Amino acid sequence: MKGGSGNTMIKNRKASHEYEFIEKFIAGIVLTGTEIKSIRAGRAALTDSYCQFRGHELYIKGMHIDEYEFGNLRNHDPLRERKLLLTKRELRRLEKRVKEAGLTIIITKVFINERGLAKAEIALAKGRKEYDRREAIKRKDAEREMERMWKSR
């Protein structure tokens, strides 16, 4: 096995609260050496990150990867745009859906796979209104309560 053990995972917890996911994709990320080392150390944040098309390519914007502690002159810019790697079919499909329906593409998590490569789970998403968020919270609370009742039996 090359690279990491596949246990590094950085999640965007805010995303599931603010957006309703329609479809999810797994994409590779083009990174520099110091960026992958920082991700393996778990030093990245996805809070305000989103994806945007430039030409027919998809880029991550707003993803913060801390500078690598031991990377001196060759360290990276923490907020630089990073290219996502998807198939042409997936890119065309996403671009079409974003333009037509007014949807957005957000990053839900970044992880290291079993081969040691950095991958991003992205989602085609629709923004939730405030009352939708409250409904989702109520529904989750009700499901948790029901599960507790079943476990206590």
Protein backbone atom coordinates (compact mmCIF):
# COMPACT_ATOMS: atom_id res chain seq x y z
CA MET A 1 0.00 0.00 0.00
CA LYS A 2 1.34 3.39 -1.01
CA GLY A 3 0.74 6.54 1.04
CA GLY A 4 -1.65 6.90 3.96
CA SER A 5 -3.95 4.49 5.70
CA GLY A 6 -7.13 6.11 4.46
CA ASN A 7 -8.23 7.35 7.89
CA THR A 8 -7.78 11.11 7.34
CA MET A 9 -11.13 12.78 6.78
CA ILE A 10 -12.04 16.46 6.85
CA LYS A 11 -15.79 17.17 6.82
CA ASN A 12 -17.86 20.24 6.02
CA ARG A 13 -20.44 19.92 8.80
CA LYS A 14 -22.11 23.22 7.91
CA ALA A 15 -22.94 21.99 4.39
CA SER A 16 -25.58 19.42 5.35
CA HIS A 17 -27.32 22.04 7.47
CA GLU A 18 -27.41 24.76 4.80
CA TYR A 19 -27.90 22.66 1.66
CA GLU A 20 -30.04 19.80 0.43
CA PHE A 21 -27.85 17.33 -1.48
CA ILE A 22 -29.22 16.16 -4.81
CA GLU A 23 -26.32 14.10 -6.12
CA LYS A 24 -22.82 13.25 -4.85
CA PHE A 25 -19.56 12.63 -6.73
CA ILE A 26 -16.04 11.60 -5.76
CA ALA A 27 -13.31 13.66 -7.43
CA GLY A 28 -9.53 13.70 -7.32
CA ILE A 29 -7.76 16.92 -6.32
CA VAL A 30 -4.63 18.35 -7.94
CA LEU A 31 -2.32 19.21 -5.02
CA THR A 32 1.29 20.16 -4.40
CA GLY A 33 3.57 18.16 -2.11
CA THR A 34 3.17 20.41 0.91
CA GLU A 35 -0.63 20.47 0.51
CA ILE A 36 -0.98 16.68 0.63
CA LYS A 37 1.23 16.55 3.72
CA SER A 38 -0.95 19.12 5.47
CA ILE A 39 -4.13 17.22 4.54
CA ARG A 40 -2.66 13.97 5.86
CA ALA A 41 -2.00 15.83 9.11
CA GLY A 42 -5.68 16.88 9.15
CA ARG A 43 -4.89 20.58 8.81
CA ALA A 44 -7.52 21.79 6.33
CA ALA A 45 -10.89 23.54 6.53
CA LEU A 46 -13.87 23.34 4.17
CA THR A 47 -16.19 25.82 5.88
CA ASP A 48 -16.66 28.41 3.12
CA SER A 49 -15.51 26.33 0.17
CA TYR A 50 -17.43 25.79 -3.06
CA CYS A 51 -16.77 24.70 -6.64
CA GLN A 52 -16.85 26.84 -9.73
CA PHE A 53 -16.37 26.16 -13.43
CA ARG A 54 -13.63 27.94 -15.35
CA GLY A 55 -13.81 26.95 -18.98
CA HIS A 56 -14.87 23.32 -18.85
CA GLU A 57 -12.85 22.55 -15.72
CA LEU A 58 -14.03 22.51 -12.12
CA TYR A 59 -12.05 24.26 -9.36
CA ILE A 60 -12.39 24.40 -5.56
CA LYS A 61 -12.46 27.92 -4.15
CA GLY A 62 -12.19 28.90 -0.51
CA MET A 63 -10.73 25.61 0.74
CA HIS A 64 -8.08 26.43 3.37
CA ILE A 65 -5.12 24.07 3.67
CA ASP A 66 -2.63 25.20 6.34
CA GLU A 67 0.95 25.72 5.28
CA TYR A 68 3.11 22.66 5.91
CA GLU A 69 5.10 23.09 9.09
CA PHE A 70 8.41 21.91 7.56
CA GLY A 71 7.91 23.32 4.05
CA ASN A 72 10.15 26.37 3.86
CA LEU A 73 10.51 28.16 0.49
CA ARG A 74 8.34 25.70 -1.42
CA ASN A 75 5.27 26.12 0.78
CA HIS A 76 1.88 26.69 -0.86
CA ASP A 77 -0.69 29.49 -0.72
CA PRO A 78 -3.34 28.28 1.81
CA LEU A 79 -6.33 29.61 -0.17
CA ARG A 80 -5.29 28.92 -3.76
CA GLU A 81 -7.76 27.41 -6.24
CA ARG A 82 -7.39 23.66 -6.70
CA LYS A 83 -8.47 21.74 -9.78
CA LEU A 84 -10.87 18.80 -9.40
CA LEU A 85 -10.48 15.68 -11.51
CA LEU A 86 -13.72 14.21 -12.87
CA THR A 87 -14.64 12.42 -16.08
CA LYS A 88 -15.79 14.51 -19.06
CA ARG A 89 -19.27 13.03 -18.74
CA GLU A 90 -19.53 14.02 -15.07
CA LEU A 91 -18.20 17.53 -15.78
CA ARG A 92 -20.68 18.10 -18.62
CA ARG A 93 -23.54 16.83 -16.49
CA LEU A 94 -22.62 19.04 -13.52
CA GLU A 95 -22.09 22.13 -15.71
CA LYS A 96 -25.46 21.62 -17.39
CA ARG A 97 -27.33 21.16 -14.07
CA VAL A 98 -25.68 24.20 -12.47
CA LYS A 99 -26.55 26.47 -15.39
CA GLU A 100 -30.13 25.23 -15.86
CA ALA A 101 -31.50 24.73 -12.38
CA GLY A 102 -29.51 27.32 -10.44
CA LEU A 103 -27.92 24.68 -8.24
CA THR A 104 -24.47 24.91 -6.68
CA ILE A 105 -21.59 22.50 -6.14
CA ILE A 106 -20.13 22.24 -2.64
CA ILE A 107 -17.44 20.12 -1.02
CA THR A 108 -18.82 17.83 1.68
CA LYS A 109 -15.58 16.12 2.69
CA VAL A 110 -11.93 15.58 1.78
CA PHE A 111 -10.28 12.26 2.55
CA ILE A 112 -7.25 10.11 1.76
CA ASN A 113 -8.24 6.89 -0.02
CA GLU A 114 -6.67 3.45 0.48
CA ARG A 115 -4.05 4.21 -2.22
CA GLY A 116 -2.93 7.36 -0.40
CA LEU A 117 -4.55 9.83 -2.83
CA ALA A 118 -6.53 12.89 -1.76
CA LYS A 119 -10.16 12.77 -2.87
CA ALA A 120 -13.03 15.20 -2.44
CA GLU A 121 -16.67 14.27 -2.10
CA ILE A 122 -18.64 17.01 -3.84
CA ALA A 123 -22.38 17.42 -3.97
CA LEU A 124 -24.75 19.07 -6.37
CA ALA A 125 -26.86 20.99 -3.89
CA LYS A 126 -29.80 23.30 -3.47
CA GLY A 127 -29.77 25.95 -0.73
CA ARG A 128 -32.21 25.52 2.13
CA LYS A 129 -34.42 28.29 3.43
CA GLU A 130 -34.48 29.01 7.17
CA TYR A 131 -37.77 27.16 7.70
CA ASP A 132 -36.40 24.13 5.80
CA ARG A 133 -33.43 24.05 8.18
CA ARG A 134 -35.73 24.09 11.19
CA GLU A 135 -37.78 21.25 9.70
CA ALA A 136 -34.64 19.19 9.09
CA ILE A 137 -33.52 19.69 12.70
CA LYS A 138 -36.96 18.66 14.01
CA ARG A 139 -36.96 15.56 11.81
CA LYS A 140 -33.46 14.52 12.98
CA ASP A 141 -34.44 15.03 16.64
CA ALA A 142 -37.58 12.93 16.17
CA GLU A 143 -35.58 10.14 14.50
CA ARG A 144 -33.04 10.14 17.35
CA GLU A 145 -35.82 9.99 19.92
CA MET A 146 -37.46 7.05 18.13
CA GLU A 147 -34.13 5.23 17.97
CA ARG A 148 -33.55 5.78 21.70
CA MET A 149 -36.98 4.35 22.46
CA TRP A 150 -36.29 1.23 20.36
CA LYS A 151 -32.90 0.69 22.02
CA SER A 152 -34.32 0.98 25.54
CA ARG A 153 -36.85 -1.82 24.90
